Amino acid sequence: MGKAALGGTIEVPTIEGTRTRINIPAGTQSGQQLRLRGKGMSILRSQARGDMFVEVSVETPVNLTDRQKELLEEFDEISREQGSSPESEGFFSKMKEIWKDLTD
């Protein structure tokens, strides 16, 4: 969750059985795909390699301490005030528009 929100570098397995580092941009959303150029399968009858795609899956933390819960609640409150959840805002904005159209 932290790397997706803040950005950072992680290691991912490759199809060759090795690991490679990948940069996770700040604000990465679950389901977003990142491309690793030249890390995919060999192209048929060629020395070239295709690209490998990594799909981001953001995990929700479990078994939180009281302090961690407190910090997340504070973060949630500040996030709602600043509007920093693009997918939620998009959904609720659309619902408001639909509701407005239905009531007009």
N, C-alpha and C. Protein backbone atom coordinates (compact mmCIF):
# COMPACT_ATOMS: atom_id res chain seq x y z
N MET A 1 0.83 -1.18 0.00
CA MET A 1 0.00 0.00 0.00
C MET A 1 0.87 1.25 0.00
N GLY A 2 1.92 1.26 0.82
CA GLY A 2 2.79 2.43 0.92
C GLY A 2 3.54 2.73 -0.36
N LYS A 3 4.07 1.69 -1.01
CA LYS A 3 4.81 1.90 -2.26
C LYS A 3 3.88 2.42 -3.35
N ALA A 4 2.65 1.94 -3.38
CA ALA A 4 1.70 2.39 -4.40
C ALA A 4 1.35 3.86 -4.18
N ALA A 5 1.17 4.26 -2.94
CA ALA A 5 0.80 5.64 -2.64
C ALA A 5 1.97 6.59 -2.78
N LEU A 6 3.12 6.20 -2.23
CA LEU A 6 4.27 7.09 -2.18
C LEU A 6 5.26 6.91 -3.31
N GLY A 7 5.22 5.76 -3.97
CA GLY A 7 6.19 5.44 -4.99
C GLY A 7 7.39 4.74 -4.39
N GLY A 8 8.14 4.05 -5.21
CA GLY A 8 9.33 3.35 -4.73
C GLY A 8 9.72 2.26 -5.70
N THR A 9 10.68 1.47 -5.29
CA THR A 9 11.19 0.39 -6.12
C THR A 9 10.94 -0.95 -5.44
N ILE A 10 10.50 -1.93 -6.23
CA ILE A 10 10.31 -3.29 -5.72
C ILE A 10 10.98 -4.26 -6.66
N GLU A 11 11.17 -5.49 -6.20
CA GLU A 11 11.70 -6.55 -7.06
C GLU A 11 10.56 -7.45 -7.48
N VAL A 12 10.58 -7.85 -8.76
CA VAL A 12 9.56 -8.77 -9.28
C VAL A 12 10.26 -9.91 -10.00
N PRO A 13 9.64 -11.11 -10.01
CA PRO A 13 10.23 -12.23 -10.75
C PRO A 13 10.06 -12.04 -12.25
N THR A 14 11.01 -12.54 -13.01
CA THR A 14 10.92 -12.49 -14.47
C THR A 14 10.63 -13.89 -14.99
N ILE A 15 10.33 -14.01 -16.28
CA ILE A 15 10.02 -15.32 -16.85
C ILE A 15 11.26 -16.22 -16.91
N GLU A 16 12.45 -15.64 -16.77
CA GLU A 16 13.68 -16.42 -16.79
C GLU A 16 14.01 -17.04 -15.43
N GLY A 17 13.22 -16.68 -14.41
CA GLY A 17 13.47 -17.20 -13.07
C GLY A 17 14.35 -16.28 -12.24
N THR A 18 14.74 -15.14 -12.78
CA THR A 18 15.53 -14.17 -12.02
C THR A 18 14.58 -13.12 -11.47
N ARG A 19 15.15 -12.12 -10.85
CA ARG A 19 14.35 -11.01 -10.32
C ARG A 19 14.89 -9.71 -10.92
N THR A 20 14.00 -8.75 -11.10
CA THR A 20 14.41 -7.44 -11.59
C THR A 20 13.70 -6.36 -10.78
N ARG A 21 14.33 -5.21 -10.71
CA ARG A 21 13.75 -4.09 -9.96
C ARG A 21 12.85 -3.29 -10.89
N ILE A 22 11.74 -2.82 -10.33
CA ILE A 22 10.80 -2.02 -11.09
C ILE A 22 10.40 -0.81 -10.25
N ASN A 23 10.31 0.33 -10.92
CA ASN A 23 9.93 1.57 -10.24
C ASN A 23 8.40 1.68 -10.22
N ILE A 24 7.84 1.85 -9.03
CA ILE A 24 6.40 2.05 -8.87
C ILE A 24 6.16 3.55 -8.71
N PRO A 25 5.51 4.20 -9.68
CA PRO A 25 5.26 5.64 -9.57
C PRO A 25 4.30 5.94 -8.42
N ALA A 26 4.47 7.08 -7.79
CA ALA A 26 3.55 7.50 -6.72
C ALA A 26 2.13 7.59 -7.28
N GLY A 27 1.17 7.13 -6.51
CA GLY A 27 -0.23 7.18 -6.92
C GLY A 27 -0.67 6.02 -7.79
N THR A 28 0.15 4.97 -7.88
CA THR A 28 -0.21 3.81 -8.69
C THR A 28 -1.46 3.15 -8.11
N GLN A 29 -2.41 2.81 -8.98
CA GLN A 29 -3.66 2.19 -8.58
C GLN A 29 -3.61 0.68 -8.80
N SER A 30 -4.36 -0.06 -7.98
CA SER A 30 -4.46 -1.51 -8.15
C SER A 30 -5.03 -1.81 -9.53
N GLY A 31 -4.46 -2.77 -10.22
CA GLY A 31 -4.90 -3.13 -11.56
C GLY A 31 -4.12 -2.45 -12.67
N GLN A 32 -3.35 -1.42 -12.32
CA GLN A 32 -2.55 -0.73 -13.33
C GLN A 32 -1.44 -1.65 -13.81
N GLN A 33 -1.11 -1.59 -15.09
CA GLN A 33 -0.05 -2.42 -15.65
C GLN A 33 1.19 -1.57 -15.93
N LEU A 34 2.34 -2.14 -15.60
CA LEU A 34 3.62 -1.49 -15.86
C LEU A 34 4.41 -2.36 -16.83
N ARG A 35 5.11 -1.74 -17.77
CA ARG A 35 5.84 -2.47 -18.81
C ARG A 35 7.32 -2.57 -18.47
N LEU A 36 7.86 -3.77 -18.65
CA LEU A 36 9.30 -4.00 -18.55
C LEU A 36 9.79 -4.34 -19.95
N ARG A 37 10.38 -3.37 -20.61
CA ARG A 37 10.82 -3.55 -21.99
C ARG A 37 11.95 -4.59 -22.09
N GLY A 38 11.78 -5.51 -23.04
CA GLY A 38 12.81 -6.51 -23.31
C GLY A 38 12.93 -7.60 -22.26
N LYS A 39 11.98 -7.71 -21.35
CA LYS A 39 12.04 -8.75 -20.30
C LYS A 39 11.05 -9.88 -20.55
N GLY A 40 10.33 -9.82 -21.68
CA GLY A 40 9.32 -10.83 -21.98
C GLY A 40 9.88 -12.00 -22.77
N MET A 41 9.00 -12.71 -23.44
CA MET A 41 9.34 -13.89 -24.22
C MET A 41 10.18 -13.50 -25.43
N SER A 42 10.98 -14.45 -25.90
CA SER A 42 11.73 -14.24 -27.14
C SER A 42 10.76 -14.16 -28.30
N ILE A 43 11.04 -13.28 -29.23
CA ILE A 43 10.21 -13.13 -30.42
C ILE A 43 10.59 -14.24 -31.40
N LEU A 44 9.60 -14.91 -31.94
CA LEU A 44 9.80 -16.05 -32.83
C LEU A 44 10.77 -15.73 -33.97
N ARG A 45 11.75 -16.58 -34.16
CA ARG A 45 12.78 -16.45 -35.21
C ARG A 45 13.54 -15.14 -35.11
N SER A 46 13.83 -14.71 -33.90
CA SER A 46 14.53 -13.45 -33.71
C SER A 46 15.34 -13.49 -32.41
N GLN A 47 16.36 -12.66 -32.34
CA GLN A 47 17.14 -12.53 -31.11
C GLN A 47 16.47 -11.56 -30.14
N ALA A 48 15.49 -10.81 -30.63
CA ALA A 48 14.83 -9.77 -29.83
C ALA A 48 13.92 -10.40 -28.77
N ARG A 49 13.69 -9.64 -27.71
CA ARG A 49 12.79 -10.06 -26.64
C ARG A 49 11.58 -9.14 -26.63
N GLY A 50 10.45 -9.70 -26.28
CA GLY A 50 9.23 -8.90 -26.13
C GLY A 50 9.21 -8.21 -24.77
N ASP A 51 8.13 -7.55 -24.47
CA ASP A 51 7.99 -6.85 -23.20
C ASP A 51 7.23 -7.73 -22.21
N MET A 52 7.51 -7.53 -20.95
CA MET A 52 6.78 -8.21 -19.88
C MET A 52 5.94 -7.15 -19.18
N PHE A 53 4.70 -7.49 -18.88
CA PHE A 53 3.82 -6.56 -18.18
C PHE A 53 3.59 -7.07 -16.76
N VAL A 54 3.64 -6.14 -15.83
CA VAL A 54 3.40 -6.44 -14.42
C VAL A 54 2.12 -5.74 -14.02
N GLU A 55 1.15 -6.48 -13.50
CA GLU A 55 -0.09 -5.87 -13.03
C GLU A 55 0.02 -5.63 -11.53
N VAL A 56 -0.24 -4.40 -11.12
CA VAL A 56 -0.12 -4.01 -9.72
C VAL A 56 -1.34 -4.47 -8.95
N SER A 57 -1.10 -5.10 -7.81
CA SER A 57 -2.17 -5.52 -6.91
C SER A 57 -1.85 -4.93 -5.54
N VAL A 58 -2.63 -3.96 -5.12
CA VAL A 58 -2.38 -3.28 -3.86
C VAL A 58 -3.04 -4.07 -2.74
N GLU A 59 -2.25 -4.43 -1.73
CA GLU A 59 -2.77 -5.19 -0.59
C GLU A 59 -3.24 -4.25 0.50
N THR A 60 -4.35 -4.62 1.13
CA THR A 60 -4.86 -3.87 2.26
C THR A 60 -4.25 -4.44 3.53
N PRO A 61 -3.65 -3.60 4.38
CA PRO A 61 -3.01 -4.10 5.60
C PRO A 61 -4.02 -4.75 6.55
N VAL A 62 -3.57 -5.79 7.26
CA VAL A 62 -4.38 -6.47 8.27
C VAL A 62 -3.61 -6.53 9.58
N ASN A 63 -4.28 -6.89 10.65
CA ASN A 63 -3.66 -7.03 11.97
C ASN A 63 -2.91 -5.77 12.38
N LEU A 64 -3.58 -4.63 12.27
CA LEU A 64 -2.96 -3.35 12.58
C LEU A 64 -2.87 -3.12 14.09
N THR A 65 -1.82 -2.43 14.50
CA THR A 65 -1.71 -2.01 15.89
C THR A 65 -2.64 -0.83 16.11
N ASP A 66 -2.88 -0.48 17.36
CA ASP A 66 -3.73 0.67 17.66
C ASP A 66 -3.16 1.94 17.03
N ARG A 67 -1.84 2.10 17.07
CA ARG A 67 -1.20 3.29 16.51
C ARG A 67 -1.37 3.33 15.00
N GLN A 68 -1.22 2.19 14.34
CA GLN A 68 -1.41 2.15 12.89
C GLN A 68 -2.84 2.51 12.52
N LYS A 69 -3.82 1.99 13.28
CA LYS A 69 -5.23 2.34 13.03
C LYS A 69 -5.45 3.83 13.20
N GLU A 70 -4.87 4.38 14.24
CA GLU A 70 -5.00 5.82 14.50
C GLU A 70 -4.45 6.63 13.34
N LEU A 71 -3.27 6.25 12.86
CA LEU A 71 -2.66 6.97 11.74
C LEU A 71 -3.49 6.84 10.46
N LEU A 72 -4.02 5.65 10.20
CA LEU A 72 -4.84 5.47 9.00
C LEU A 72 -6.15 6.25 9.10
N GLU A 73 -6.74 6.32 10.28
CA GLU A 73 -7.96 7.12 10.45
C GLU A 73 -7.67 8.60 10.21
N GLU A 74 -6.53 9.07 10.70
CA GLU A 74 -6.14 10.46 10.47
C GLU A 74 -5.90 10.69 8.99
N PHE A 75 -5.22 9.76 8.34
CA PHE A 75 -4.96 9.84 6.91
C PHE A 75 -6.29 9.88 6.13
N ASP A 76 -7.24 9.03 6.52
CA ASP A 76 -8.54 8.97 5.85
C ASP A 76 -9.28 10.30 5.98
N GLU A 77 -9.24 10.87 7.16
CA GLU A 77 -9.91 12.16 7.39
C GLU A 77 -9.31 13.26 6.52
N ILE A 78 -7.99 13.33 6.49
CA ILE A 78 -7.30 14.34 5.69
C ILE A 78 -7.57 14.11 4.20
N SER A 79 -7.56 12.84 3.78
CA SER A 79 -7.81 12.51 2.37
C SER A 79 -9.18 12.95 1.92
N ARG A 80 -10.20 12.76 2.77
CA ARG A 80 -11.55 13.18 2.42
C ARG A 80 -11.63 14.68 2.27
N GLU A 81 -10.92 15.41 3.14
CA GLU A 81 -10.92 16.88 3.07
C GLU A 81 -10.25 17.38 1.81
N GLN A 82 -9.17 16.70 1.40
CA GLN A 82 -8.39 17.15 0.24
C GLN A 82 -8.84 16.54 -1.07
N GLY A 83 -9.69 15.52 -1.01
CA GLY A 83 -10.15 14.88 -2.24
C GLY A 83 -9.05 14.15 -2.98
N SER A 84 -8.32 13.27 -2.29
CA SER A 84 -7.19 12.59 -2.91
C SER A 84 -7.48 11.15 -3.33
N SER A 85 -8.74 10.80 -3.54
CA SER A 85 -9.11 9.46 -4.01
C SER A 85 -9.78 9.58 -5.36
N PRO A 86 -9.00 9.55 -6.46
CA PRO A 86 -9.54 9.82 -7.79
C PRO A 86 -10.66 8.88 -8.23
N GLU A 87 -10.55 7.58 -7.92
CA GLU A 87 -11.58 6.65 -8.38
C GLU A 87 -12.88 6.87 -7.61
N SER A 88 -12.81 7.07 -6.31
CA SER A 88 -14.01 7.31 -5.51
C SER A 88 -14.68 8.60 -5.93
N GLU A 89 -13.90 9.64 -6.11
CA GLU A 89 -14.46 10.92 -6.51
C GLU A 89 -15.14 10.80 -7.85
N GLY A 90 -14.52 10.08 -8.77
CA GLY A 90 -15.11 9.91 -10.09
C GLY A 90 -16.45 9.19 -10.00
N PHE A 91 -16.52 8.14 -9.18
CA PHE A 91 -17.74 7.38 -9.03
C PHE A 91 -18.85 8.24 -8.44
N PHE A 92 -18.54 8.95 -7.33
CA PHE A 92 -19.57 9.75 -6.68
C PHE A 92 -19.99 10.94 -7.54
N SER A 93 -19.08 11.51 -8.27
CA SER A 93 -19.45 12.60 -9.19
C SER A 93 -20.42 12.10 -10.24
N LYS A 94 -20.15 10.91 -10.77
CA LYS A 94 -21.05 10.33 -11.78
C LYS A 94 -22.42 10.03 -11.18
N MET A 95 -22.43 9.51 -9.97
CA MET A 95 -23.70 9.20 -9.32
C MET A 95 -24.51 10.48 -9.07
N LYS A 96 -23.84 11.56 -8.67
CA LYS A 96 -24.53 12.84 -8.47
C LYS A 96 -25.15 13.32 -9.78
N GLU A 97 -24.39 13.19 -10.88
CA GLU A 97 -24.91 13.60 -12.19
C GLU A 97 -26.11 12.77 -12.59
N ILE A 98 -26.04 11.45 -12.37
CA ILE A 98 -27.16 10.57 -12.71
C ILE A 98 -28.36 10.95 -11.88
N TRP A 99 -28.17 11.15 -10.58
CA TRP A 99 -29.27 11.50 -9.70
C TRP A 99 -29.90 12.84 -10.12
N LYS A 100 -29.05 13.79 -10.49
CA LYS A 100 -29.55 15.10 -10.92
C LYS A 100 -30.39 14.94 -12.18
N ASP A 101 -29.91 14.13 -13.13
CA ASP A 101 -30.66 13.90 -14.36
C ASP A 101 -32.00 13.23 -14.09
N LEU A 102 -32.04 12.31 -13.12
CA LEU A 102 -33.28 11.61 -12.79
C LEU A 102 -34.30 12.50 -12.12
N THR A 103 -33.82 13.47 -11.34
CA THR A 103 -34.74 14.33 -10.59
C THR A 103 -35.17 15.55 -11.38
N ASP A 104 -34.50 15.85 -12.50
CA ASP A 104 -34.89 17.01 -13.33
C ASP A 104 -36.08 16.73 -14.18
